[in-house]
Amino acid sequence: MSLSARLRNSAEFHFGHEHKEAFKKLKEIFSAIPLLHIFKRRFPLELHMEASSWRLVAVLQPKSESG
């Protein structure tokens, strides 16, 4: 089942052991690597966007040295 289907009001919510472990792993990943970096003007910026009828998400990030 897709995430959007799981988020509908009519969907049954179940947060079991497997989900708790996945959430714990995500917390470890997000806290282990630096998500924020010092802005470096020498790299061009890229704008990544996603839009739907109910949301707009945008991320502005510098293009890395490796491309």
PDB file of N, CA and C in Angstrom:
ATOM      1  N   MET A   1       0.847  -1.176   0.000  1.00  0.00           N
ATOM      2  CA  MET A   1       0.000   0.000   0.000  1.00  0.00           C
ATOM      3  C   MET A   1       0.894   1.241   0.000  1.00  0.00           C
ATOM      4  N   SER A   2       0.554   2.217  -0.813  1.00  0.00           N
ATOM      5  CA  SER A   2       1.359   3.433  -0.915  1.00  0.00           C
ATOM      6  C   SER A   2       1.209   4.294   0.336  1.00  0.00           C
ATOM      7  N   LEU A   3       2.165   5.204   0.527  1.00  0.00           N
ATOM      8  CA  LEU A   3       2.123   6.102   1.676  1.00  0.00           C
ATOM      9  C   LEU A   3       0.899   6.996   1.616  1.00  0.00           C
ATOM     10  N   SER A   4       0.570   7.515   0.441  1.00  0.00           N
ATOM     11  CA  SER A   4      -0.607   8.389   0.337  1.00  0.00           C
ATOM     12  C   SER A   4      -1.888   7.643   0.688  1.00  0.00           C
ATOM     13  N   ALA A   5      -1.984   6.369   0.323  1.00  0.00           N
ATOM     14  CA  ALA A   5      -3.156   5.570   0.687  1.00  0.00           C
ATOM     15  C   ALA A   5      -3.208   5.341   2.192  1.00  0.00           C
ATOM     16  N   ARG A   6      -2.052   5.167   2.805  1.00  0.00           N
ATOM     17  CA  ARG A   6      -2.008   4.956   4.253  1.00  0.00           C
ATOM     18  C   ARG A   6      -2.372   6.214   5.037  1.00  0.00           C
ATOM     19  N   LEU A   7      -2.211   7.382   4.426  1.00  0.00           N
ATOM     20  CA  LEU A   7      -2.489   8.637   5.117  1.00  0.00           C
ATOM     21  C   LEU A   7      -3.934   9.104   4.972  1.00  0.00           C
ATOM     22  N   ARG A   8      -4.739   8.413   4.211  1.00  0.00           N
ATOM     23  CA  ARG A   8      -6.149   8.786   4.067  1.00  0.00           C
ATOM     24  C   ARG A   8      -6.872   8.561   5.389  1.00  0.00           C
ATOM     25  N   ASN A   9      -7.911   9.351   5.620  1.00  0.00           N
ATOM     26  CA  ASN A   9      -8.678   9.244   6.867  1.00  0.00           C
ATOM     27  C   ASN A   9      -9.318   7.878   7.045  1.00  0.00           C
ATOM     28  N   SER A  10      -9.665   7.216   5.966  1.00  0.00           N
ATOM     29  CA  SER A  10     -10.332   5.918   6.068  1.00  0.00           C
ATOM     30  C   SER A  10      -9.359   4.760   6.288  1.00  0.00           C
ATOM     31  N   ALA A  11      -8.068   5.005   6.179  1.00  0.00           N
ATOM     32  CA  ALA A  11      -7.076   3.937   6.328  1.00  0.00           C
ATOM     33  C   ALA A  11      -6.900   3.567   7.799  1.00  0.00           C
ATOM     34  N   GLU A  12      -6.767   2.281   8.047  1.00  0.00           N
ATOM     35  CA  GLU A  12      -6.521   1.806   9.410  1.00  0.00           C
ATOM     36  C   GLU A  12      -5.061   2.066   9.764  1.00  0.00           C
ATOM     37  N   PHE A  13      -4.825   2.567  10.966  1.00  0.00           N
ATOM     38  CA  PHE A  13      -3.470   2.890  11.398  1.00  0.00           C
ATOM     39  C   PHE A  13      -2.938   1.770  12.278  1.00  0.00           C
ATOM     40  N   HIS A  14      -1.778   1.240  11.903  1.00  0.00           N
ATOM     41  CA  HIS A  14      -1.123   0.196  12.697  1.00  0.00           C
ATOM     42  C   HIS A  14       0.362   0.534  12.764  1.00  0.00           C
ATOM     43  N   PHE A  15       0.879   0.681  13.975  1.00  0.00           N
ATOM     44  CA  PHE A  15       2.292   1.009  14.176  1.00  0.00           C
ATOM     45  C   PHE A  15       2.888  -0.105  15.024  1.00  0.00           C
ATOM     46  N   GLY A  16       3.353  -1.139  14.350  1.00  0.00           N
ATOM     47  CA  GLY A  16       3.866  -2.311  15.035  1.00  0.00           C
ATOM     48  C   GLY A  16       5.371  -2.278  15.237  1.00  0.00           C
ATOM     49  N   HIS A  17       5.917  -3.418  15.633  1.00  0.00           N
ATOM     50  CA  HIS A  17       7.345  -3.542  15.919  1.00  0.00           C
ATOM     51  C   HIS A  17       8.196  -3.195  14.695  1.00  0.00           C
ATOM     52  N   GLU A  18       7.796  -3.679  13.536  1.00  0.00           N
ATOM     53  CA  GLU A  18       8.542  -3.411  12.303  1.00  0.00           C
ATOM     54  C   GLU A  18       8.597  -1.907  12.019  1.00  0.00           C
ATOM     55  N   HIS A  19       7.495  -1.216  12.256  1.00  0.00           N
ATOM     56  CA  HIS A  19       7.444   0.226  12.020  1.00  0.00           C
ATOM     57  C   HIS A  19       8.294   0.979  13.042  1.00  0.00           C
ATOM     58  N   LYS A  20       8.260   0.523  14.283  1.00  0.00           N
ATOM     59  CA  LYS A  20       9.077   1.154  15.328  1.00  0.00           C
ATOM     60  C   LYS A  20      10.564   1.027  15.008  1.00  0.00           C
ATOM     61  N   GLU A  21      10.971  -0.149  14.532  1.00  0.00           N
ATOM     62  CA  GLU A  21      12.373  -0.363  14.183  1.00  0.00           C
ATOM     63  C   GLU A  21      12.790   0.511  12.997  1.00  0.00           C
ATOM     64  N   ALA A  22      11.917   0.630  11.995  1.00  0.00           N
ATOM     65  CA  ALA A  22      12.220   1.477  10.838  1.00  0.00           C
ATOM     66  C   ALA A  22      12.328   2.937  11.261  1.00  0.00           C
ATOM     67  N   PHE A  23      11.432   3.382  12.148  1.00  0.00           N
ATOM     68  CA  PHE A  23      11.465   4.759  12.637  1.00  0.00           C
ATOM     69  C   PHE A  23      12.743   5.013  13.436  1.00  0.00           C
ATOM     70  N   LYS A  24      13.133   4.047  14.255  1.00  0.00           N
ATOM     71  CA  LYS A  24      14.362   4.166  15.039  1.00  0.00           C
ATOM     72  C   LYS A  24      15.577   4.278  14.118  1.00  0.00           C
ATOM     73  N   LYS A  25      15.589   3.478  13.049  1.00  0.00           N
ATOM     74  CA  LYS A  25      16.701   3.516  12.098  1.00  0.00           C
ATOM     75  C   LYS A  25      16.763   4.873  11.391  1.00  0.00           C
ATOM     76  N   LEU A  26      15.614   5.411  11.001  1.00  0.00           N
ATOM     77  CA  LEU A  26      15.584   6.733  10.372  1.00  0.00           C
ATOM     78  C   LEU A  26      16.114   7.810  11.310  1.00  0.00           C
ATOM     79  N   LYS A  27      15.734   7.749  12.582  1.00  0.00           N
ATOM     80  CA  LYS A  27      16.233   8.730  13.554  1.00  0.00           C
ATOM     81  C   LYS A  27      17.746   8.652  13.666  1.00  0.00           C
ATOM     82  N   GLU A  28      18.291   7.445  13.670  1.00  0.00           N
ATOM     83  CA  GLU A  28      19.744   7.272  13.748  1.00  0.00           C
ATOM     84  C   GLU A  28      20.433   7.841  12.506  1.00  0.00           C
ATOM     85  N   ILE A  29      19.864   7.582  11.344  1.00  0.00           N
ATOM     86  CA  ILE A  29      20.451   8.081  10.095  1.00  0.00           C
ATOM     87  C   ILE A  29      20.435   9.601  10.066  1.00  0.00           C
ATOM     88  N   PHE A  30      19.298  10.209  10.395  1.00  0.00           N
ATOM     89  CA  PHE A  30      19.186  11.667  10.339  1.00  0.00           C
ATOM     90  C   PHE A  30      20.030  12.365  11.392  1.00  0.00           C
ATOM     91  N   SER A  31      20.318  11.698  12.484  1.00  0.00           N
ATOM     92  CA  SER A  31      21.135  12.339  13.517  1.00  0.00           C
ATOM     93  C   SER A  31      22.628  12.038  13.341  1.00  0.00           C
ATOM     94  N   ALA A  32      22.983  11.091  12.477  1.00  0.00           N
ATOM     95  CA  ALA A  32      24.383  10.695  12.315  1.00  0.00           C
ATOM     96  C   ALA A  32      25.108  11.489  11.232  1.00  0.00           C
ATOM     97  N   ILE A  33      24.398  11.940  10.225  1.00  0.00           N
ATOM     98  CA  ILE A  33      25.045  12.675   9.140  1.00  0.00           C
ATOM     99  C   ILE A  33      24.642  14.140   9.190  1.00  0.00           C
ATOM    100  N   PRO A  34      25.558  15.014   8.827  1.00  0.00           N
ATOM    101  CA  PRO A  34      25.194  16.438   8.848  1.00  0.00           C
ATOM    102  C   PRO A  34      24.205  16.757   7.724  1.00  0.00           C
ATOM    103  N   LEU A  35      23.061  17.291   8.089  1.00  0.00           N
ATOM    104  CA  LEU A  35      22.053  17.641   7.098  1.00  0.00           C
ATOM    105  C   LEU A  35      22.171  19.091   6.654  1.00  0.00           C
ATOM    106  N   LEU A  36      22.778  19.912   7.488  1.00  0.00           N
ATOM    107  CA  LEU A  36      22.960  21.318   7.151  1.00  0.00           C
ATOM    108  C   LEU A  36      24.434  21.579   6.897  1.00  0.00           C
ATOM    109  N   HIS A  37      24.723  22.320   5.861  1.00  0.00           N
ATOM    110  CA  HIS A  37      26.101  22.620   5.505  1.00  0.00           C
ATOM    111  C   HIS A  37      26.287  24.121   5.395  1.00  0.00           C
ATOM    112  N   ILE A  38      27.508  24.559   5.540  1.00  0.00           N
ATOM    113  CA  ILE A  38      27.835  25.961   5.333  1.00  0.00           C
ATOM    114  C   ILE A  38      27.716  26.253   3.844  1.00  0.00           C
ATOM    115  N   PHE A  39      27.029  27.335   3.522  1.00  0.00           N
ATOM    116  CA  PHE A  39      26.810  27.719   2.127  1.00  0.00           C
ATOM    117  C   PHE A  39      28.131  28.087   1.460  1.00  0.00           C
ATOM    118  N   LYS A  40      28.389  27.503   0.293  1.00  0.00           N
ATOM    119  CA  LYS A  40      29.605  27.785  -0.478  1.00  0.00           C
ATOM    120  C   LYS A  40      29.187  28.433  -1.797  1.00  0.00           C
ATOM    121  N   ARG A  41      29.548  29.696  -1.977  1.00  0.00           N
ATOM    122  CA  ARG A  41      29.118  30.452  -3.157  1.00  0.00           C
ATOM    123  C   ARG A  41      29.702  29.928  -4.459  1.00  0.00           C
ATOM    124  N   ARG A  42      30.766  29.163  -4.404  1.00  0.00           N
ATOM    125  CA  ARG A  42      31.409  28.741  -5.648  1.00  0.00           C
ATOM    126  C   ARG A  42      30.602  27.681  -6.406  1.00  0.00           C
ATOM    127  N   PHE A  43      29.640  27.069  -5.747  1.00  0.00           N
ATOM    128  CA  PHE A  43      28.816  26.056  -6.402  1.00  0.00           C
ATOM    129  C   PHE A  43      27.477  26.655  -6.823  1.00  0.00           C
ATOM    130  N   PRO A  44      26.998  26.327  -8.028  1.00  0.00           N
ATOM    131  CA  PRO A  44      25.677  26.808  -8.440  1.00  0.00           C
ATOM    132  C   PRO A  44      24.588  26.146  -7.600  1.00  0.00           C
ATOM    133  N   LEU A  45      23.461  26.831  -7.481  1.00  0.00           N
ATOM    134  CA  LEU A  45      22.346  26.303  -6.701  1.00  0.00           C
ATOM    135  C   LEU A  45      21.383  25.537  -7.594  1.00  0.00           C
ATOM    136  N   GLU A  46      20.756  24.521  -7.005  1.00  0.00           N
ATOM    137  CA  GLU A  46      19.716  23.761  -7.685  1.00  0.00           C
ATOM    138  C   GLU A  46      18.446  23.873  -6.864  1.00  0.00           C
ATOM    139  N   LEU A  47      17.316  24.034  -7.539  1.00  0.00           N
ATOM    140  CA  LEU A  47      16.026  24.071  -6.877  1.00  0.00           C
ATOM    141  C   LEU A  47      15.291  22.791  -7.231  1.00  0.00           C
ATOM    142  N   HIS A  48      14.977  21.984  -6.227  1.00  0.00           N
ATOM    143  CA  HIS A  48      14.235  20.740  -6.414  1.00  0.00           C
ATOM    144  C   HIS A  48      12.839  20.958  -5.846  1.00  0.00           C
ATOM    145  N   MET A  49      11.819  20.649  -6.649  1.00  0.00           N
ATOM    146  CA  MET A  49      10.444  20.903  -6.220  1.00  0.00           C
ATOM    147  C   MET A  49       9.558  19.703  -6.499  1.00  0.00           C
ATOM    148  N   GLU A  50       8.520  19.599  -5.678  1.00  0.00           N
ATOM    149  CA  GLU A  50       7.464  18.613  -5.882  1.00  0.00           C
ATOM    150  C   GLU A  50       6.161  19.311  -5.533  1.00  0.00           C
ATOM    151  N   ALA A  51       5.152  19.121  -6.352  1.00  0.00           N
ATOM    152  CA  ALA A  51       3.873  19.781  -6.104  1.00  0.00           C
ATOM    153  C   ALA A  51       2.727  18.808  -6.351  1.00  0.00           C
ATOM    154  N   SER A  52       1.679  18.986  -5.595  1.00  0.00           N
ATOM    155  CA  SER A  52       0.443  18.246  -5.806  1.00  0.00           C
ATOM    156  C   SER A  52      -0.704  19.219  -5.559  1.00  0.00           C
ATOM    157  N   SER A  53      -1.922  18.722  -5.564  1.00  0.00           N
ATOM    158  CA  SER A  53      -3.070  19.606  -5.361  1.00  0.00           C
ATOM    159  C   SER A  53      -3.156  20.129  -3.935  1.00  0.00           C
ATOM    160  N   TRP A  54      -2.417  19.534  -2.994  1.00  0.00           N
ATOM    161  CA  TRP A  54      -2.532  19.978  -1.601  1.00  0.00           C
ATOM    162  C   TRP A  54      -1.211  20.339  -0.942  1.00  0.00           C
ATOM    163  N   ARG A  55      -0.083  20.286  -1.692  1.00  0.00           N
ATOM    164  CA  ARG A  55       1.188  20.665  -1.069  1.00  0.00           C
ATOM    165  C   ARG A  55       2.207  21.107  -2.110  1.00  0.00           C
ATOM    166  N   LEU A  56       3.184  21.825  -1.629  1.00  0.00           N
ATOM    167  CA  LEU A  56       4.322  22.242  -2.433  1.00  0.00           C
ATOM    168  C   LEU A  56       5.558  22.071  -1.559  1.00  0.00           C
ATOM    169  N   VAL A  57       6.541  21.349  -2.056  1.00  0.00           N
ATOM    170  CA  VAL A  57       7.780  21.121  -1.320  1.00  0.00           C
ATOM    171  C   VAL A  57       8.920  21.632  -2.189  1.00  0.00           C
ATOM    172  N   ALA A  58       9.833  22.382  -1.578  1.00  0.00           N
ATOM    173  CA  ALA A  58      10.976  22.901  -2.325  1.00  0.00           C
ATOM    174  C   ALA A  58      12.237  22.768  -1.487  1.00  0.00           C
ATOM    175  N   VAL A  59      13.327  22.395  -2.140  1.00  0.00           N
ATOM    176  CA  VAL A  59      14.629  22.286  -1.487  1.00  0.00           C
ATOM    177  C   VAL A  59      15.627  23.036  -2.351  1.00  0.00           C
ATOM    178  N   LEU A  60      16.323  23.972  -1.751  1.00  0.00           N
ATOM    179  CA  LEU A  60      17.368  24.721  -2.441  1.00  0.00           C
ATOM    180  C   LEU A  60      18.698  24.171  -1.951  1.00  0.00           C
ATOM    181  N   GLN A  61      19.484  23.620  -2.866  1.00  0.00           N
ATOM    182  CA  GLN A  61      20.750  23.029  -2.448  1.00  0.00           C
ATOM    183  C   GLN A  61      21.840  23.353  -3.451  1.00  0.00           C
ATOM    184  N   PRO A  62      23.065  23.502  -2.950  1.00  0.00           N
ATOM    185  CA  PRO A  62      24.173  23.742  -3.872  1.00  0.00           C
ATOM    186  C   PRO A  62      24.533  22.451  -4.597  1.00  0.00           C
ATOM    187  N   LYS A  63      24.922  22.591  -5.838  1.00  0.00           N
ATOM    188  CA  LYS A  63      25.399  21.440  -6.597  1.00  0.00           C
ATOM    189  C   LYS A  63      26.759  21.063  -6.025  1.00  0.00           C
ATOM    190  N   SER A  64      26.976  19.799  -5.770  1.00  0.00           N
ATOM    191  CA  SER A  64      28.208  19.357  -5.119  1.00  0.00           C
ATOM    192  C   SER A  64      29.394  19.376  -6.074  1.00  0.00           C
ATOM    193  N   GLU A  65      30.574  19.239  -5.503  1.00  0.00           N
ATOM    194  CA  GLU A  65      31.804  19.203  -6.302  1.00  0.00           C
ATOM    195  C   GLU A  65      31.792  18.028  -7.275  1.00  0.00           C
ATOM    196  N   SER A  66      31.182  16.914  -6.853  1.00  0.00           N
ATOM    197  CA  SER A  66      31.155  15.714  -7.690  1.00  0.00           C
ATOM    198  C   SER A  66      30.041  15.753  -8.730  1.00  0.00           C
ATOM    199  N   GLY A  67      29.189  16.790  -8.681  1.00  0.00           N
ATOM    200  CA  GLY A  67      28.133  16.931  -9.673  1.00  0.00           C
ATOM    201  C   GLY A  67      26.834  16.489  -9.144  1.00  0.00           C
TER     202      GLY A  67
END
